[in-house]
Amino acid sequence: MSSEQTSSKREQPMRVILPDLYKEITTNLEERHNIHKYDIQAHAAKTPSGYEAIIYFGDSYAHMESQYFSNQSIKNMNHEIMEFIERVGNACKEVMIADYFKMMRPK
């Protein structure tokens, strides 16, 4: 089994295993960056003391941002989560703009 298959097996849809975090991320991305939940794929991977949040975005969801959060951070929705959402929002906006210009480029 390749490492890619191993890592994808431990990832699960965030909306299933961490619905509150999923809602927080998607709501903030939409309100602050006009990025809708269908523009991203949100996954999470369980670790012994928390979760790794993994957000895929861009054309064919080829780009990724991820960060580890402790169970306490997720429960309290602390500033680390807000910083992660901001970082994802900015990266996603840049990629979406670049993808748009690639698509609109004359051939």
Protein backbone atom coordinates (compact mmCIF):
# COMPACT_ATOMS: atom_id res chain seq x y z
CA MET A 1 0.00 0.00 0.00
CA SER A 2 1.42 3.41 -0.96
CA SER A 3 1.76 6.28 1.48
CA GLU A 4 -0.91 8.17 -0.45
CA GLN A 5 -3.39 5.33 0.08
CA THR A 6 -2.44 5.09 3.76
CA SER A 7 -2.98 8.79 4.44
CA SER A 8 -6.27 8.93 2.54
CA LYS A 9 -7.60 5.93 4.53
CA ARG A 10 -7.19 7.75 7.81
CA GLU A 11 -8.83 10.92 6.46
CA GLN A 12 -12.56 11.19 6.94
CA PRO A 13 -15.02 13.87 5.87
CA MET A 14 -14.93 16.64 8.47
CA ARG A 15 -18.67 17.24 8.27
CA VAL A 16 -19.16 13.69 9.62
CA ILE A 17 -16.58 13.45 12.41
CA LEU A 18 -16.30 17.15 13.44
CA PRO A 19 -19.55 18.84 12.37
CA ASP A 20 -19.08 21.90 14.61
CA LEU A 21 -15.59 22.59 13.24
CA TYR A 22 -16.84 22.03 9.68
CA LYS A 23 -19.65 24.53 10.21
CA GLU A 24 -17.24 27.07 11.75
CA ILE A 25 -14.80 26.76 8.84
CA THR A 26 -17.40 26.89 6.07
CA THR A 27 -19.36 29.75 7.66
CA ASN A 28 -16.25 31.88 8.17
CA LEU A 29 -14.90 31.17 4.69
CA GLU A 30 -18.20 32.19 3.15
CA GLU A 31 -18.65 35.33 5.28
CA ARG A 32 -15.05 36.61 5.13
CA HIS A 33 -13.83 35.36 1.74
CA ASN A 34 -16.95 34.50 -0.28
CA ILE A 35 -15.68 30.92 -0.57
CA HIS A 36 -18.53 28.44 -0.55
CA LYS A 37 -18.54 24.96 0.92
CA TYR A 38 -18.61 23.44 -2.57
CA ASP A 39 -15.31 25.21 -3.38
CA ILE A 40 -13.46 23.11 -0.79
CA GLN A 41 -13.22 19.56 0.49
CA ALA A 42 -12.77 19.41 4.26
CA HIS A 43 -11.32 16.29 5.86
CA ALA A 44 -9.96 15.42 9.28
CA ALA A 45 -7.58 12.76 10.52
CA LYS A 46 -7.71 11.55 14.13
CA THR A 47 -4.48 11.65 16.12
CA PRO A 48 -3.96 10.45 19.71
CA SER A 49 -4.53 13.91 21.20
CA GLY A 50 -6.59 15.74 18.60
CA TYR A 51 -7.25 16.04 14.87
CA GLU A 52 -5.47 17.22 11.77
CA ALA A 53 -7.78 19.46 9.74
CA ILE A 54 -7.13 19.13 6.01
CA ILE A 55 -8.72 21.46 3.46
CA TYR A 56 -8.44 20.79 -0.29
CA PHE A 57 -9.24 23.52 -2.81
CA GLY A 58 -8.55 24.75 -6.33
CA ASP A 59 -8.98 23.08 -9.70
CA SER A 60 -9.52 19.35 -9.06
CA TYR A 61 -8.85 20.07 -5.36
CA ALA A 62 -5.13 19.95 -6.12
CA HIS A 63 -4.10 22.39 -3.37
CA MET A 64 -4.12 21.65 0.35
CA GLU A 65 -3.73 23.39 3.69
CA SER A 66 -3.64 21.45 6.93
CA GLN A 67 -3.07 22.02 10.62
CA TYR A 68 -3.20 19.99 13.82
CA PHE A 69 -5.68 21.01 16.53
CA SER A 70 -5.97 19.56 20.02
CA ASN A 71 -9.34 18.35 21.25
CA GLN A 72 -9.43 21.35 23.61
CA SER A 73 -8.80 23.81 20.75
CA ILE A 74 -11.66 22.33 18.76
CA LYS A 75 -13.98 22.37 21.77
CA ASN A 76 -13.23 26.05 22.49
CA MET A 77 -12.91 27.17 18.82
CA ASN A 78 -9.85 29.18 19.84
CA HIS A 79 -7.74 31.68 17.89
CA GLU A 80 -5.63 28.94 16.22
CA ILE A 81 -8.71 27.82 14.33
CA MET A 82 -9.52 31.38 13.26
CA GLU A 83 -5.93 31.87 12.04
CA PHE A 84 -6.16 28.61 10.09
CA ILE A 85 -9.44 29.69 8.49
CA GLU A 86 -7.87 33.01 7.49
CA ARG A 87 -4.83 31.26 6.01
CA VAL A 88 -7.02 28.83 4.07
CA GLY A 89 -9.25 31.66 2.86
CA ASN A 90 -6.34 33.71 1.54
CA ALA A 91 -4.67 30.72 -0.13
CA CYS A 92 -7.94 29.57 -1.66
CA LYS A 93 -8.72 33.04 -3.04
CA GLU A 94 -5.29 33.25 -4.68
CA VAL A 95 -5.66 29.82 -6.27
CA MET A 96 -9.21 30.50 -7.46
CA ILE A 97 -8.14 33.77 -9.09
CA ALA A 98 -5.17 32.08 -10.78
CA ASP A 99 -7.39 29.21 -11.98
CA TYR A 100 -9.89 31.72 -13.38
CA PHE A 101 -7.23 33.55 -15.38
CA LYS A 102 -5.83 30.24 -16.70
CA MET A 103 -9.31 29.27 -17.82
CA MET A 104 -9.96 32.65 -19.49
CA ARG A 105 -6.58 32.80 -21.27
CA PRO A 106 -6.98 32.75 -25.05
CA LYS A 107 -5.83 29.51 -26.62
